[in-house]
Amino acid sequence: MLKKHPRIRLALYLAGAAGAAAAPIIAVAAPEYGVAVSAAAAVLTATALGTAASNLSQPDPQSDA
């Protein structure tokens, strides 16, 4: 999944990490947005981890093996 799109994978990873880091801060600063930001961060993190896990089982198309 997205094996040939490293920039998209990087964007997913960074968005998930940023959302996970920002969720507790936003939940304290603006409680009305806390649940939404936390849920969005969870979805982005799950997508990033799912993409990373699916890439582990696929051979690299550019490798010589």
PDB file of N, CA and C in Angstrom:
ATOM      1  N   MET A   1       0.845  -1.177   0.000  1.00  0.00           N
ATOM      2  CA  MET A   1       0.000   0.000   0.000  1.00  0.00           C
ATOM      3  C   MET A   1       0.891   1.240   0.000  1.00  0.00           C
ATOM      4  N   LEU A   2       0.757   2.038  -1.016  1.00  0.00           N
ATOM      5  CA  LEU A   2       1.533   3.264  -1.169  1.00  0.00           C
ATOM      6  C   LEU A   2       3.036   3.015  -1.175  1.00  0.00           C
ATOM      7  N   LYS A   3       3.448   1.843  -1.624  1.00  0.00           N
ATOM      8  CA  LYS A   3       4.873   1.501  -1.646  1.00  0.00           C
ATOM      9  C   LYS A   3       5.652   2.420  -2.579  1.00  0.00           C
ATOM     10  N   LYS A   4       5.020   2.832  -3.680  1.00  0.00           N
ATOM     11  CA  LYS A   4       5.704   3.667  -4.663  1.00  0.00           C
ATOM     12  C   LYS A   4       5.492   5.160  -4.421  1.00  0.00           C
ATOM     13  N   HIS A   5       4.908   5.513  -3.297  1.00  0.00           N
ATOM     14  CA  HIS A   5       4.610   6.914  -2.993  1.00  0.00           C
ATOM     15  C   HIS A   5       5.201   7.295  -1.633  1.00  0.00           C
ATOM     16  N   PRO A   6       6.521   7.444  -1.552  1.00  0.00           N
ATOM     17  CA  PRO A   6       7.137   7.728  -0.246  1.00  0.00           C
ATOM     18  C   PRO A   6       6.731   9.076   0.339  1.00  0.00           C
ATOM     19  N   ARG A   7       6.443  10.057  -0.499  1.00  0.00           N
ATOM     20  CA  ARG A   7       6.044  11.370   0.031  1.00  0.00           C
ATOM     21  C   ARG A   7       4.667  11.312   0.676  1.00  0.00           C
ATOM     22  N   ILE A   8       3.765  10.546   0.091  1.00  0.00           N
ATOM     23  CA  ILE A   8       2.435  10.392   0.696  1.00  0.00           C
ATOM     24  C   ILE A   8       2.558   9.647   2.018  1.00  0.00           C
ATOM     25  N   ARG A   9       3.385   8.591   2.055  1.00  0.00           N
ATOM     26  CA  ARG A   9       3.596   7.858   3.305  1.00  0.00           C
ATOM     27  C   ARG A   9       4.187   8.769   4.365  1.00  0.00           C
ATOM     28  N   LEU A  10       5.175   9.572   3.989  1.00  0.00           N
ATOM     29  CA  LEU A  10       5.791  10.490   4.940  1.00  0.00           C
ATOM     30  C   LEU A  10       4.769  11.495   5.460  1.00  0.00           C
ATOM     31  N   ALA A  11       3.918  12.006   4.578  1.00  0.00           N
ATOM     32  CA  ALA A  11       2.885  12.956   5.010  1.00  0.00           C
ATOM     33  C   ALA A  11       1.921  12.299   5.989  1.00  0.00           C
ATOM     34  N   LEU A  12       1.539  11.048   5.737  1.00  0.00           N
ATOM     35  CA  LEU A  12       0.660  10.329   6.662  1.00  0.00           C
ATOM     36  C   LEU A  12       1.332  10.133   8.012  1.00  0.00           C
ATOM     37  N   TYR A  13       2.594   9.732   7.998  1.00  0.00           N
ATOM     38  CA  TYR A  13       3.311   9.510   9.253  1.00  0.00           C
ATOM     39  C   TYR A  13       3.423  10.807  10.053  1.00  0.00           C
ATOM     40  N   LEU A  14       3.801  11.892   9.371  1.00  0.00           N
ATOM     41  CA  LEU A  14       3.966  13.171  10.063  1.00  0.00           C
ATOM     42  C   LEU A  14       2.637  13.721  10.571  1.00  0.00           C
ATOM     43  N   ALA A  15       1.578  13.576   9.775  1.00  0.00           N
ATOM     44  CA  ALA A  15       0.263  14.052  10.221  1.00  0.00           C
ATOM     45  C   ALA A  15      -0.217  13.251  11.424  1.00  0.00           C
ATOM     46  N   GLY A  16       0.000  11.945  11.398  1.00  0.00           N
ATOM     47  CA  GLY A  16      -0.387  11.120  12.543  1.00  0.00           C
ATOM     48  C   GLY A  16       0.395  11.468  13.795  1.00  0.00           C
ATOM     49  N   ALA A  17       1.706  11.660  13.634  1.00  0.00           N
ATOM     50  CA  ALA A  17       2.538  12.009  14.790  1.00  0.00           C
ATOM     51  C   ALA A  17       2.188  13.397  15.325  1.00  0.00           C
ATOM     52  N   ALA A  18       1.970  14.353  14.427  1.00  0.00           N
ATOM     53  CA  ALA A  18       1.616  15.707  14.865  1.00  0.00           C
ATOM     54  C   ALA A  18       0.259  15.723  15.554  1.00  0.00           C
ATOM     55  N   GLY A  19      -0.689  14.988  15.009  1.00  0.00           N
ATOM     56  CA  GLY A  19      -2.013  14.927  15.629  1.00  0.00           C
ATOM     57  C   GLY A  19      -1.975  14.260  16.991  1.00  0.00           C
ATOM     58  N   ALA A  20      -1.195  13.192  17.093  1.00  0.00           N
ATOM     59  CA  ALA A  20      -1.084  12.501  18.379  1.00  0.00           C
ATOM     60  C   ALA A  20      -0.401  13.383  19.423  1.00  0.00           C
ATOM     61  N   ALA A  21       0.560  14.184  18.987  1.00  0.00           N
ATOM     62  CA  ALA A  21       1.242  15.080  19.922  1.00  0.00           C
ATOM     63  C   ALA A  21       0.366  16.273  20.306  1.00  0.00           C
ATOM     64  N   ALA A  22      -0.433  16.760  19.366  1.00  0.00           N
ATOM     65  CA  ALA A  22      -1.241  17.959  19.617  1.00  0.00           C
ATOM     66  C   ALA A  22      -2.554  17.661  20.327  1.00  0.00           C
ATOM     67  N   ALA A  23      -3.049  16.444  20.227  1.00  0.00           N
ATOM     68  CA  ALA A  23      -4.373  16.123  20.781  1.00  0.00           C
ATOM     69  C   ALA A  23      -4.508  16.449  22.269  1.00  0.00           C
ATOM     70  N   PRO A  24      -3.580  16.046  23.134  1.00  0.00           N
ATOM     71  CA  PRO A  24      -3.749  16.385  24.551  1.00  0.00           C
ATOM     72  C   PRO A  24      -3.682  17.886  24.827  1.00  0.00           C
ATOM     73  N   ILE A  25      -2.833  18.586  24.081  1.00  0.00           N
ATOM     74  CA  ILE A  25      -2.707  20.030  24.278  1.00  0.00           C
ATOM     75  C   ILE A  25      -3.997  20.731  23.868  1.00  0.00           C
ATOM     76  N   ILE A  26      -4.546  20.340  22.732  1.00  0.00           N
ATOM     77  CA  ILE A  26      -5.792  20.949  22.265  1.00  0.00           C
ATOM     78  C   ILE A  26      -6.948  20.577  23.182  1.00  0.00           C
ATOM     79  N   ALA A  27      -6.945  19.358  23.689  1.00  0.00           N
ATOM     80  CA  ALA A  27      -8.018  18.937  24.598  1.00  0.00           C
ATOM     81  C   ALA A  27      -8.044  19.785  25.863  1.00  0.00           C
ATOM     82  N   VAL A  28      -6.884  20.214  26.329  1.00  0.00           N
ATOM     83  CA  VAL A  28      -6.825  21.061  27.522  1.00  0.00           C
ATOM     84  C   VAL A  28      -7.154  22.510  27.169  1.00  0.00           C
ATOM     85  N   ALA A  29      -6.585  22.999  26.065  1.00  0.00           N
ATOM     86  CA  ALA A  29      -6.765  24.403  25.692  1.00  0.00           C
ATOM     87  C   ALA A  29      -8.163  24.693  25.161  1.00  0.00           C
ATOM     88  N   ALA A  30      -8.720  23.782  24.380  1.00  0.00           N
ATOM     89  CA  ALA A  30     -10.042  23.987  23.782  1.00  0.00           C
ATOM     90  C   ALA A  30     -10.830  22.686  23.895  1.00  0.00           C
ATOM     91  N   PRO A  31     -11.457  22.448  25.040  1.00  0.00           N
ATOM     92  CA  PRO A  31     -12.138  21.174  25.272  1.00  0.00           C
ATOM     93  C   PRO A  31     -13.223  20.843  24.247  1.00  0.00           C
ATOM     94  N   GLU A  32     -13.824  21.861  23.637  1.00  0.00           N
ATOM     95  CA  GLU A  32     -14.877  21.585  22.659  1.00  0.00           C
ATOM     96  C   GLU A  32     -14.330  20.917  21.395  1.00  0.00           C
ATOM     97  N   TYR A  33     -13.040  21.082  21.122  1.00  0.00           N
ATOM     98  CA  TYR A  33     -12.417  20.445  19.963  1.00  0.00           C
ATOM     99  C   TYR A  33     -11.599  19.214  20.345  1.00  0.00           C
ATOM    100  N   GLY A  34     -11.461  18.943  21.607  1.00  0.00           N
ATOM    101  CA  GLY A  34     -10.605  17.862  22.073  1.00  0.00           C
ATOM    102  C   GLY A  34     -10.988  16.494  21.546  1.00  0.00           C
ATOM    103  N   VAL A  35     -12.275  16.176  21.587  1.00  0.00           N
ATOM    104  CA  VAL A  35     -12.727  14.854  21.131  1.00  0.00           C
ATOM    105  C   VAL A  35     -12.506  14.702  19.631  1.00  0.00           C
ATOM    106  N   ALA A  36     -12.817  15.732  18.863  1.00  0.00           N
ATOM    107  CA  ALA A  36     -12.657  15.658  17.410  1.00  0.00           C
ATOM    108  C   ALA A  36     -11.187  15.526  17.015  1.00  0.00           C
ATOM    109  N   VAL A  37     -10.329  16.295  17.643  1.00  0.00           N
ATOM    110  CA  VAL A  37      -8.903  16.229  17.321  1.00  0.00           C
ATOM    111  C   VAL A  37      -8.321  14.893  17.754  1.00  0.00           C
ATOM    112  N   SER A  38      -8.739  14.403  18.891  1.00  0.00           N
ATOM    113  CA  SER A  38      -8.258  13.107  19.363  1.00  0.00           C
ATOM    114  C   SER A  38      -8.692  11.984  18.425  1.00  0.00           C
ATOM    115  N   ALA A  39      -9.936  12.027  17.970  1.00  0.00           N
ATOM    116  CA  ALA A  39     -10.425  11.004  17.037  1.00  0.00           C
ATOM    117  C   ALA A  39      -9.701  11.093  15.699  1.00  0.00           C
ATOM    118  N   ALA A  40      -9.491  12.300  15.201  1.00  0.00           N
ATOM    119  CA  ALA A  40      -8.771  12.466  13.938  1.00  0.00           C
ATOM    120  C   ALA A  40      -7.333  11.982  14.060  1.00  0.00           C
ATOM    121  N   ALA A  41      -6.697  12.273  15.181  1.00  0.00           N
ATOM    122  CA  ALA A  41      -5.326  11.801  15.398  1.00  0.00           C
ATOM    123  C   ALA A  41      -5.277  10.278  15.447  1.00  0.00           C
ATOM    124  N   ALA A  42      -6.273   9.673  16.067  1.00  0.00           N
ATOM    125  CA  ALA A  42      -6.312   8.208  16.130  1.00  0.00           C
ATOM    126  C   ALA A  42      -6.467   7.602  14.737  1.00  0.00           C
ATOM    127  N   VAL A  43      -7.311   8.204  13.908  1.00  0.00           N
ATOM    128  CA  VAL A  43      -7.501   7.702  12.541  1.00  0.00           C
ATOM    129  C   VAL A  43      -6.219   7.860  11.731  1.00  0.00           C
ATOM    130  N   LEU A  44      -5.586   9.025  11.813  1.00  0.00           N
ATOM    131  CA  LEU A  44      -4.342   9.242  11.071  1.00  0.00           C
ATOM    132  C   LEU A  44      -3.230   8.317  11.553  1.00  0.00           C
ATOM    133  N   THR A  45      -3.133   8.114  12.843  1.00  0.00           N
ATOM    134  CA  THR A  45      -2.113   7.222  13.385  1.00  0.00           C
ATOM    135  C   THR A  45      -2.364   5.785  12.950  1.00  0.00           C
ATOM    136  N   ALA A  46      -3.611   5.353  12.991  1.00  0.00           N
ATOM    137  CA  ALA A  46      -3.938   3.992  12.547  1.00  0.00           C
ATOM    138  C   ALA A  46      -3.647   3.819  11.062  1.00  0.00           C
ATOM    139  N   THR A  47      -3.947   4.832  10.262  1.00  0.00           N
ATOM    140  CA  THR A  47      -3.654   4.763   8.831  1.00  0.00           C
ATOM    141  C   THR A  47      -2.152   4.691   8.589  1.00  0.00           C
ATOM    142  N   ALA A  48      -1.397   5.508   9.293  1.00  0.00           N
ATOM    143  CA  ALA A  48       0.058   5.496   9.127  1.00  0.00           C
ATOM    144  C   ALA A  48       0.651   4.161   9.559  1.00  0.00           C
ATOM    145  N   LEU A  49       0.199   3.642  10.690  1.00  0.00           N
ATOM    146  CA  LEU A  49       0.718   2.349  11.155  1.00  0.00           C
ATOM    147  C   LEU A  49       0.288   1.213  10.237  1.00  0.00           C
ATOM    148  N   GLY A  50      -0.936   1.259   9.740  1.00  0.00           N
ATOM    149  CA  GLY A  50      -1.399   0.239   8.793  1.00  0.00           C
ATOM    150  C   GLY A  50      -0.600   0.265   7.511  1.00  0.00           C
ATOM    151  N   THR A  51      -0.308   1.458   7.022  1.00  0.00           N
ATOM    152  CA  THR A  51       0.501   1.588   5.814  1.00  0.00           C
ATOM    153  C   THR A  51       1.912   1.066   6.052  1.00  0.00           C
ATOM    154  N   ALA A  52       2.485   1.414   7.190  1.00  0.00           N
ATOM    155  CA  ALA A  52       3.834   0.934   7.503  1.00  0.00           C
ATOM    156  C   ALA A  52       3.856  -0.582   7.635  1.00  0.00           C
ATOM    157  N   ALA A  53       2.855  -1.144   8.291  1.00  0.00           N
ATOM    158  CA  ALA A  53       2.809  -2.598   8.470  1.00  0.00           C
ATOM    159  C   ALA A  53       2.619  -3.316   7.139  1.00  0.00           C
ATOM    160  N   SER A  54       1.798  -2.769   6.252  1.00  0.00           N
ATOM    161  CA  SER A  54       1.579  -3.430   4.970  1.00  0.00           C
ATOM    162  C   SER A  54       2.813  -3.327   4.082  1.00  0.00           C
ATOM    163  N   ASN A  55       3.615  -2.293   4.258  1.00  0.00           N
ATOM    164  CA  ASN A  55       4.833  -2.166   3.464  1.00  0.00           C
ATOM    165  C   ASN A  55       5.920  -3.125   3.918  1.00  0.00           C
ATOM    166  N   LEU A  56       5.845  -3.616   5.144  1.00  0.00           N
ATOM    167  CA  LEU A  56       6.844  -4.569   5.623  1.00  0.00           C
ATOM    168  C   LEU A  56       6.765  -5.891   4.883  1.00  0.00           C
ATOM    169  N   SER A  57       5.563  -6.285   4.487  1.00  0.00           N
ATOM    170  CA  SER A  57       5.388  -7.598   3.874  1.00  0.00           C
ATOM    171  C   SER A  57       5.576  -7.579   2.361  1.00  0.00           C
ATOM    172  N   GLN A  58       5.744  -6.418   1.764  1.00  0.00           N
ATOM    173  CA  GLN A  58       5.905  -6.330   0.320  1.00  0.00           C
ATOM    174  C   GLN A  58       7.376  -6.177  -0.038  1.00  0.00           C
ATOM    175  N   PRO A  59       7.829  -6.875  -1.079  1.00  0.00           N
ATOM    176  CA  PRO A  59       9.217  -6.691  -1.505  1.00  0.00           C
ATOM    177  C   PRO A  59       9.393  -5.312  -2.141  1.00  0.00           C
ATOM    178  N   ASP A  60      10.579  -4.772  -2.016  1.00  0.00           N
ATOM    179  CA  ASP A  60      10.886  -3.472  -2.600  1.00  0.00           C
ATOM    180  C   ASP A  60      11.016  -3.634  -4.112  1.00  0.00           C
ATOM    181  N   PRO A  61      10.220  -2.901  -4.915  1.00  0.00           N
ATOM    182  CA  PRO A  61      10.283  -3.082  -6.366  1.00  0.00           C
ATOM    183  C   PRO A  61      11.600  -2.613  -6.971  1.00  0.00           C
ATOM    184  N   GLN A  62      12.380  -1.810  -6.265  1.00  0.00           N
ATOM    185  CA  GLN A  62      13.637  -1.306  -6.797  1.00  0.00           C
ATOM    186  C   GLN A  62      14.838  -2.134  -6.356  1.00  0.00           C
ATOM    187  N   SER A  63      14.630  -3.130  -5.516  1.00  0.00           N
ATOM    188  CA  SER A  63      15.763  -3.933  -5.050  1.00  0.00           C
ATOM    189  C   SER A  63      16.144  -4.965  -6.104  1.00  0.00           C
ATOM    190  N   ASP A  64      17.359  -5.464  -6.008  1.00  0.00           N
ATOM    191  CA  ASP A  64      17.861  -6.445  -6.966  1.00  0.00           C
ATOM    192  C   ASP A  64      17.429  -7.857  -6.629  1.00  0.00           C
ATOM    193  N   ALA A  65      16.914  -8.085  -5.444  1.00  0.00           N
ATOM    194  CA  ALA A  65      16.568  -9.438  -5.010  1.00  0.00           C
ATOM    195  C   ALA A  65      15.330  -9.955  -5.677  1.00  0.00           C
TER     196      ALA A  65
END
